Amino acid sequence: MIGPLVMRRGLLAAIPLAVMATPAHAHGTGRLHVYPGRLLPADRPDAAIAVFEIHAGRAADVLRAASTDAARAVVIVGPDGRPRPDLPIPARSDLELVAGGPHLRLEGLAQPLAPGRTVRLSLDFVEAGRLTAVVRAPRR
């Protein structure tokens, strides 16, 4: 009798963990998930840095391009701070796009980076196809 009670409590305790492991606002396919992120100011008023996380499932993939209506261009920046044509994402890993590391740089912003502004980025992956990243400028 104690065994089944412990088992039931163990299963019920695991349910909130499973729910927390799948954020409601993640965009993705079975291969990749793109989590909401932030827009940070860059070195120029008409530029911004997009930071967010991409989680790869069982298969590796490659981010090969990005675009948005909010800027003239989106540049993929590698860990060394230099523009690059793509960013590989190893299988079963997280790629964290961060300031000072790999990130997306929006150049030629159509509007200034206002607090709370939301921008949708279209991401083009070799295997997963097009996914959307939502990034928001911090509220002050």
N, C-alpha and C. Protein backbone atom coordinates (compact mmCIF):
# COMPACT_ATOMS: atom_id res chain seq x y z
N MET A 1 0.82 -1.19 0.00
CA MET A 1 0.00 0.00 0.00
C MET A 1 0.86 1.26 0.00
N ILE A 2 1.96 1.24 0.71
CA ILE A 2 2.83 2.41 0.72
C ILE A 2 3.50 2.58 -0.64
N GLY A 3 3.87 1.48 -1.29
CA GLY A 3 4.53 1.54 -2.60
C GLY A 3 3.71 2.31 -3.64
N PRO A 4 2.42 1.94 -3.87
CA PRO A 4 1.62 2.67 -4.85
C PRO A 4 1.42 4.14 -4.50
N LEU A 5 1.31 4.44 -3.21
CA LEU A 5 1.16 5.84 -2.79
C LEU A 5 2.40 6.64 -3.13
N VAL A 6 3.56 6.06 -2.85
CA VAL A 6 4.82 6.73 -3.19
C VAL A 6 4.92 6.91 -4.70
N MET A 7 4.55 5.88 -5.44
CA MET A 7 4.61 5.94 -6.89
C MET A 7 3.69 7.04 -7.41
N ARG A 8 2.48 7.11 -6.90
CA ARG A 8 1.55 8.16 -7.36
C ARG A 8 2.11 9.54 -7.06
N ARG A 9 2.64 9.73 -5.87
CA ARG A 9 3.20 11.03 -5.54
C ARG A 9 4.38 11.36 -6.44
N GLY A 10 5.20 10.36 -6.76
CA GLY A 10 6.34 10.57 -7.65
C GLY A 10 5.89 10.99 -9.04
N LEU A 11 4.84 10.35 -9.54
CA LEU A 11 4.33 10.71 -10.86
C LEU A 11 3.72 12.10 -10.85
N LEU A 12 2.94 12.40 -9.82
CA LEU A 12 2.34 13.73 -9.74
C LEU A 12 3.40 14.81 -9.58
N ALA A 13 4.44 14.52 -8.85
CA ALA A 13 5.52 15.50 -8.68
C ALA A 13 6.24 15.75 -9.98
N ALA A 14 6.29 14.76 -10.87
CA ALA A 14 7.00 14.91 -12.14
C ALA A 14 6.23 15.75 -13.14
N ILE A 15 4.91 15.84 -13.01
CA ILE A 15 4.09 16.58 -13.98
C ILE A 15 4.48 18.05 -14.06
N PRO A 16 4.63 18.79 -12.96
CA PRO A 16 5.03 20.20 -13.09
C PRO A 16 6.39 20.35 -13.76
N LEU A 17 7.31 19.42 -13.54
CA LEU A 17 8.62 19.51 -14.19
C LEU A 17 8.49 19.37 -15.69
N ALA A 18 7.64 18.47 -16.15
CA ALA A 18 7.45 18.30 -17.58
C ALA A 18 6.83 19.54 -18.19
N VAL A 19 5.90 20.17 -17.50
CA VAL A 19 5.28 21.39 -18.00
C VAL A 19 6.30 22.52 -18.05
N MET A 20 7.13 22.65 -17.02
CA MET A 20 8.13 23.72 -16.98
C MET A 20 9.19 23.53 -18.06
N ALA A 21 9.45 22.30 -18.47
CA ALA A 21 10.51 22.05 -19.45
C ALA A 21 10.10 22.46 -20.86
N THR A 22 8.83 22.75 -21.10
CA THR A 22 8.36 23.14 -22.42
C THR A 22 7.73 24.51 -22.34
N PRO A 23 8.51 25.59 -22.52
CA PRO A 23 7.95 26.94 -22.43
C PRO A 23 6.82 27.15 -23.43
N ALA A 24 5.78 27.82 -23.00
CA ALA A 24 4.61 28.03 -23.84
C ALA A 24 4.89 28.91 -25.05
N HIS A 25 5.91 29.74 -24.99
CA HIS A 25 6.16 30.69 -26.07
C HIS A 25 7.29 30.27 -27.00
N ALA A 26 7.77 29.05 -26.89
CA ALA A 26 8.84 28.59 -27.78
C ALA A 26 8.24 28.32 -29.16
N HIS A 27 8.98 28.69 -30.19
CA HIS A 27 8.58 28.40 -31.56
C HIS A 27 9.51 27.31 -32.07
N GLY A 28 8.97 26.35 -32.81
CA GLY A 28 9.89 25.36 -33.31
C GLY A 28 9.22 24.19 -34.00
N THR A 29 10.07 23.27 -34.36
CA THR A 29 9.65 22.02 -34.98
C THR A 29 10.12 20.92 -34.06
N GLY A 30 9.99 19.68 -34.48
CA GLY A 30 10.51 18.58 -33.69
C GLY A 30 12.02 18.62 -33.60
N ARG A 31 12.65 19.33 -34.53
CA ARG A 31 14.11 19.38 -34.56
C ARG A 31 14.69 20.52 -33.73
N LEU A 32 14.08 21.68 -33.83
CA LEU A 32 14.61 22.88 -33.17
C LEU A 32 13.51 23.62 -32.42
N HIS A 33 13.91 24.30 -31.35
CA HIS A 33 13.02 25.21 -30.65
C HIS A 33 13.75 26.53 -30.49
N VAL A 34 13.06 27.62 -30.80
CA VAL A 34 13.62 28.96 -30.67
C VAL A 34 12.86 29.66 -29.55
N TYR A 35 13.58 30.09 -28.54
CA TYR A 35 12.97 30.70 -27.37
C TYR A 35 12.99 32.22 -27.49
N PRO A 36 11.99 32.91 -26.93
CA PRO A 36 11.96 34.37 -26.98
C PRO A 36 13.22 34.97 -26.37
N GLY A 37 13.61 36.13 -26.88
CA GLY A 37 14.84 36.75 -26.40
C GLY A 37 14.71 38.25 -26.23
N ARG A 38 15.88 38.90 -26.28
CA ARG A 38 15.93 40.34 -26.04
C ARG A 38 16.66 41.05 -27.17
N LEU A 39 16.35 42.31 -27.32
CA LEU A 39 17.07 43.22 -28.21
C LEU A 39 17.93 44.12 -27.33
N LEU A 40 19.19 44.22 -27.65
CA LEU A 40 20.10 45.06 -26.89
C LEU A 40 20.64 46.17 -27.77
N PRO A 41 20.95 47.33 -27.20
CA PRO A 41 21.55 48.39 -28.00
C PRO A 41 22.92 47.95 -28.54
N ALA A 42 23.25 48.45 -29.70
CA ALA A 42 24.56 48.17 -30.31
C ALA A 42 25.40 49.44 -30.25
N ASP A 43 26.49 49.45 -30.99
CA ASP A 43 27.41 50.58 -30.99
C ASP A 43 26.91 51.78 -31.79
N ARG A 44 25.81 51.60 -32.53
CA ARG A 44 25.22 52.70 -33.31
C ARG A 44 23.73 52.77 -33.02
N PRO A 45 23.13 53.98 -33.12
CA PRO A 45 21.69 54.10 -32.82
C PRO A 45 20.80 53.36 -33.81
N ASP A 46 21.30 53.08 -35.03
CA ASP A 46 20.47 52.39 -36.01
C ASP A 46 20.77 50.89 -36.05
N ALA A 47 21.36 50.34 -34.96
CA ALA A 47 21.68 48.92 -34.89
C ALA A 47 21.26 48.36 -33.53
N ALA A 48 21.06 47.06 -33.50
CA ALA A 48 20.71 46.36 -32.25
C ALA A 48 21.26 44.95 -32.32
N ILE A 49 21.37 44.34 -31.16
CA ILE A 49 21.84 42.95 -31.07
C ILE A 49 20.68 42.10 -30.57
N ALA A 50 20.38 41.02 -31.28
CA ALA A 50 19.33 40.10 -30.88
C ALA A 50 19.97 38.92 -30.17
N VAL A 51 19.51 38.65 -28.94
CA VAL A 51 20.02 37.52 -28.16
C VAL A 51 18.85 36.63 -27.77
N PHE A 52 19.03 35.32 -27.94
CA PHE A 52 18.00 34.34 -27.61
C PHE A 52 18.65 32.96 -27.64
N GLU A 53 17.87 31.94 -27.41
CA GLU A 53 18.40 30.58 -27.35
C GLU A 53 17.71 29.69 -28.37
N ILE A 54 18.50 28.81 -28.98
CA ILE A 54 17.99 27.80 -29.91
C ILE A 54 18.37 26.45 -29.34
N HIS A 55 17.39 25.56 -29.21
CA HIS A 55 17.66 24.22 -28.71
C HIS A 55 17.50 23.22 -29.85
N ALA A 56 18.53 22.41 -30.08
CA ALA A 56 18.49 21.39 -31.12
C ALA A 56 18.05 20.07 -30.52
N GLY A 57 17.25 19.35 -31.24
CA GLY A 57 16.80 18.02 -30.82
C GLY A 57 17.84 16.97 -31.21
N ARG A 58 17.36 15.88 -31.75
CA ARG A 58 18.24 14.75 -32.08
C ARG A 58 19.20 15.02 -33.22
N ALA A 59 18.85 15.93 -34.09
CA ALA A 59 19.68 16.19 -35.28
C ALA A 59 20.33 17.57 -35.21
N ALA A 60 21.52 17.66 -35.74
CA ALA A 60 22.20 18.94 -35.85
C ALA A 60 21.53 19.77 -36.94
N ASP A 61 21.76 21.07 -36.93
CA ASP A 61 21.22 21.94 -37.96
C ASP A 61 22.16 23.13 -38.10
N VAL A 62 21.86 24.00 -39.06
CA VAL A 62 22.69 25.17 -39.31
C VAL A 62 21.78 26.37 -39.57
N LEU A 63 22.00 27.45 -38.82
CA LEU A 63 21.31 28.71 -39.09
C LEU A 63 22.06 29.36 -40.24
N ARG A 64 21.39 29.52 -41.39
CA ARG A 64 22.10 30.03 -42.56
C ARG A 64 21.71 31.44 -42.96
N ALA A 65 20.62 31.97 -42.39
CA ALA A 65 20.24 33.35 -42.71
C ALA A 65 19.16 33.81 -41.74
N ALA A 66 19.00 35.13 -41.64
CA ALA A 66 17.96 35.72 -40.82
C ALA A 66 17.54 37.03 -41.47
N SER A 67 16.27 37.40 -41.25
CA SER A 67 15.77 38.66 -41.79
C SER A 67 14.64 39.18 -40.91
N THR A 68 14.32 40.46 -41.09
CA THR A 68 13.22 41.10 -40.37
C THR A 68 12.78 42.33 -41.14
N ASP A 69 11.52 42.70 -40.97
CA ASP A 69 11.02 43.95 -41.56
C ASP A 69 11.51 45.15 -40.77
N ALA A 70 12.02 44.92 -39.56
CA ALA A 70 12.42 46.01 -38.67
C ALA A 70 13.80 46.58 -38.97
N ALA A 71 14.55 45.93 -39.88
CA ALA A 71 15.91 46.40 -40.18
C ALA A 71 16.26 46.11 -41.63
N ARG A 72 17.20 46.89 -42.14
CA ARG A 72 17.67 46.71 -43.52
C ARG A 72 18.36 45.37 -43.69
N ALA A 73 19.13 44.94 -42.67
CA ALA A 73 19.90 43.68 -42.77
C ALA A 73 20.02 43.04 -41.40
N VAL A 74 20.14 41.71 -41.40
CA VAL A 74 20.45 40.96 -40.19
C VAL A 74 21.72 40.19 -40.48
N VAL A 75 22.73 40.43 -39.66
CA VAL A 75 24.05 39.82 -39.86
C VAL A 75 24.25 38.75 -38.80
N ILE A 76 24.68 37.57 -39.24
CA ILE A 76 25.04 36.50 -38.30
C ILE A 76 26.46 36.79 -37.83
N VAL A 77 26.64 36.84 -36.51
CA VAL A 77 27.95 37.14 -35.93
C VAL A 77 28.40 35.91 -35.15
N GLY A 78 29.64 35.49 -35.39
CA GLY A 78 30.18 34.30 -34.73
C GLY A 78 30.73 34.59 -33.36
N PRO A 79 31.22 33.55 -32.68
CA PRO A 79 31.78 33.70 -31.33
C PRO A 79 32.96 34.65 -31.28
N ASP A 80 33.64 34.83 -32.40
CA ASP A 80 34.80 35.72 -32.45
C ASP A 80 34.42 37.17 -32.72
N GLY A 81 33.12 37.46 -32.84
CA GLY A 81 32.66 38.82 -33.08
C GLY A 81 32.67 39.23 -34.55
N ARG A 82 33.00 38.31 -35.43
CA ARG A 82 33.06 38.61 -36.87
C ARG A 82 31.83 38.06 -37.60
N PRO A 83 31.39 38.78 -38.64
CA PRO A 83 30.29 38.25 -39.45
C PRO A 83 30.68 36.91 -40.07
N ARG A 84 29.69 36.04 -40.20
CA ARG A 84 29.94 34.73 -40.80
C ARG A 84 28.70 34.30 -41.58
N PRO A 85 28.84 33.35 -42.48
CA PRO A 85 27.70 32.96 -43.31
C PRO A 85 26.66 32.10 -42.60
N ASP A 86 27.06 31.44 -41.50
CA ASP A 86 26.11 30.55 -40.82
C ASP A 86 26.59 30.25 -39.40
N LEU A 87 25.71 29.60 -38.64
CA LEU A 87 26.05 29.15 -37.29
C LEU A 87 25.59 27.71 -37.14
N PRO A 88 26.51 26.78 -36.94
CA PRO A 88 26.11 25.39 -36.73
C PRO A 88 25.52 25.19 -35.33
N ILE A 89 24.56 24.28 -35.24
CA ILE A 89 23.94 23.93 -33.97
C ILE A 89 24.07 22.42 -33.82
N PRO A 90 24.96 21.96 -32.94
CA PRO A 90 25.13 20.51 -32.76
C PRO A 90 23.85 19.85 -32.23
N ALA A 91 23.67 18.58 -32.53
CA ALA A 91 22.53 17.82 -32.04
C ALA A 91 22.52 17.82 -30.51
N ARG A 92 21.31 17.81 -29.96
CA ARG A 92 21.11 17.76 -28.50
C ARG A 92 21.91 18.82 -27.75
N SER A 93 21.83 20.03 -28.24
CA SER A 93 22.56 21.11 -27.58
C SER A 93 21.76 22.40 -27.65
N ASP A 94 22.22 23.38 -26.90
CA ASP A 94 21.64 24.72 -26.92
C ASP A 94 22.66 25.66 -27.53
N LEU A 95 22.21 26.50 -28.44
CA LEU A 95 23.05 27.57 -28.96
C LEU A 95 22.53 28.84 -28.33
N GLU A 96 23.33 29.44 -27.49
CA GLU A 96 22.95 30.69 -26.84
C GLU A 96 23.53 31.85 -27.64
N LEU A 97 22.66 32.67 -28.18
CA LEU A 97 23.08 33.87 -28.88
C LEU A 97 23.17 34.96 -27.82
N VAL A 98 24.37 35.48 -27.60
CA VAL A 98 24.63 36.42 -26.51
C VAL A 98 25.52 37.56 -26.99
N ALA A 99 25.39 38.71 -26.33
CA ALA A 99 26.31 39.81 -26.61
C ALA A 99 27.71 39.36 -26.21
N GLY A 100 28.69 39.62 -27.03
CA GLY A 100 30.05 39.18 -26.75
C GLY A 100 30.32 37.77 -27.24
N GLY A 101 29.34 37.13 -27.85
CA GLY A 101 29.47 35.78 -28.40
C GLY A 101 28.69 35.72 -29.69
N PRO A 102 28.28 34.53 -30.11
CA PRO A 102 27.46 34.48 -31.32
C PRO A 102 26.13 35.20 -31.09
N HIS A 103 25.70 35.98 -32.07
CA HIS A 103 24.43 36.70 -31.98
C HIS A 103 24.00 37.15 -33.37
N LEU A 104 22.85 37.77 -33.44
CA LEU A 104 22.38 38.39 -34.68
C LEU A 104 22.43 39.89 -34.49
N ARG A 105 22.96 40.57 -35.48
CA ARG A 105 23.07 42.03 -35.43
C ARG A 105 22.10 42.61 -36.46
N LEU A 106 21.18 43.43 -35.98
CA LEU A 106 20.24 44.11 -36.85
C LEU A 106 20.85 45.45 -37.23
N GLU A 107 20.97 45.70 -38.52
CA GLU A 107 21.58 46.95 -39.00
C GLU A 107 20.58 47.72 -39.84
N GLY A 108 20.60 49.04 -39.68
CA GLY A 108 19.66 49.89 -40.42
C GLY A 108 18.25 49.74 -39.90
N LEU A 109 18.08 49.90 -38.58
CA LEU A 109 16.75 49.79 -37.98
C LEU A 109 15.78 50.78 -38.62
N ALA A 110 14.57 50.32 -38.90
CA ALA A 110 13.55 51.19 -39.49
C ALA A 110 13.06 52.22 -38.48
N GLN A 111 13.08 51.87 -37.18
CA GLN A 111 12.68 52.77 -36.10
C GLN A 111 13.69 52.64 -34.98
N PRO A 112 13.84 53.67 -34.17
CA PRO A 112 14.77 53.57 -33.03
C PRO A 112 14.36 52.43 -32.08
N LEU A 113 15.32 51.95 -31.34
CA LEU A 113 15.09 50.87 -30.39
C LEU A 113 14.37 51.42 -29.15
N ALA A 114 13.05 51.38 -29.17
CA ALA A 114 12.24 51.93 -28.06
C ALA A 114 12.03 50.86 -27.00
N PRO A 115 11.96 51.24 -25.73
CA PRO A 115 11.73 50.27 -24.66
C PRO A 115 10.44 49.48 -24.89
N GLY A 116 10.53 48.16 -24.74
CA GLY A 116 9.38 47.28 -24.91
C GLY A 116 9.06 46.91 -26.34
N ARG A 117 9.79 47.47 -27.30
CA ARG A 117 9.53 47.16 -28.71
C ARG A 117 9.77 45.68 -29.00
N THR A 118 8.88 45.07 -29.74
CA THR A 118 9.01 43.67 -30.12
C THR A 118 9.34 43.57 -31.60
N VAL A 119 10.28 42.68 -31.91
CA VAL A 119 10.69 42.44 -33.29
C VAL A 119 10.61 40.95 -33.57
N ARG A 120 10.08 40.60 -34.72
CA ARG A 120 10.04 39.20 -35.16
C ARG A 120 11.14 38.99 -36.19
N LEU A 121 11.95 37.97 -35.94
CA LEU A 121 13.02 37.62 -36.85
C LEU A 121 12.66 36.32 -37.56
N SER A 122 12.85 36.29 -38.85
CA SER A 122 12.65 35.06 -39.63
C SER A 122 14.01 34.38 -39.73
N LEU A 123 14.11 33.15 -39.22
CA LEU A 123 15.36 32.41 -39.22
C LEU A 123 15.28 31.29 -40.23
N ASP A 124 16.31 31.14 -41.05
CA ASP A 124 16.34 30.12 -42.09
C ASP A 124 17.37 29.05 -41.72
N PHE A 125 16.90 27.83 -41.48
CA PHE A 125 17.76 26.71 -41.11
C PHE A 125 17.86 25.72 -42.27
N VAL A 126 18.98 25.05 -42.38
CA VAL A 126 19.19 24.07 -43.45
C VAL A 126 18.15 22.95 -43.37
N GLU A 127 17.96 22.35 -42.20
CA GLU A 127 17.05 21.21 -42.05
C GLU A 127 15.65 21.61 -41.61
N ALA A 128 15.54 22.47 -40.64
CA ALA A 128 14.24 22.82 -40.05
C ALA A 128 13.45 23.81 -40.89
N GLY A 129 14.09 24.48 -41.85
CA GLY A 129 13.38 25.48 -42.65
C GLY A 129 13.28 26.80 -41.92
N ARG A 130 12.16 27.52 -42.12
CA ARG A 130 11.98 28.84 -41.50
C ARG A 130 11.28 28.73 -40.15
N LEU A 131 11.87 29.42 -39.17
CA LEU A 131 11.27 29.55 -37.84
C LEU A 131 11.31 31.02 -37.46
N THR A 132 10.53 31.37 -36.46
CA THR A 132 10.46 32.76 -36.01
C THR A 132 11.06 32.91 -34.62
N ALA A 133 11.85 33.95 -34.44
CA ALA A 133 12.35 34.33 -33.13
C ALA A 133 11.69 35.66 -32.77
N VAL A 134 11.20 35.77 -31.56
CA VAL A 134 10.60 37.01 -31.08
C VAL A 134 11.54 37.59 -30.04
N VAL A 135 11.97 38.83 -30.28
CA VAL A 135 12.88 39.51 -29.36
C VAL A 135 12.26 40.85 -28.95
N ARG A 136 12.51 41.23 -27.72
CA ARG A 136 11.90 42.46 -27.19
C ARG A 136 12.97 43.33 -26.54
N ALA A 137 12.89 44.62 -26.81
CA ALA A 137 13.78 45.58 -26.15
C ALA A 137 13.35 45.68 -24.69
N PRO A 138 14.30 45.71 -23.75
CA PRO A 138 13.90 45.80 -22.34
C PRO A 138 13.16 47.09 -22.03
N ARG A 139 12.22 46.98 -21.11
CA ARG A 139 11.52 48.18 -20.63
C ARG A 139 12.42 48.82 -19.60
N ARG A 140 12.48 50.12 -19.59
CA ARG A 140 13.41 50.80 -18.68
C ARG A 140 12.87 50.97 -17.32
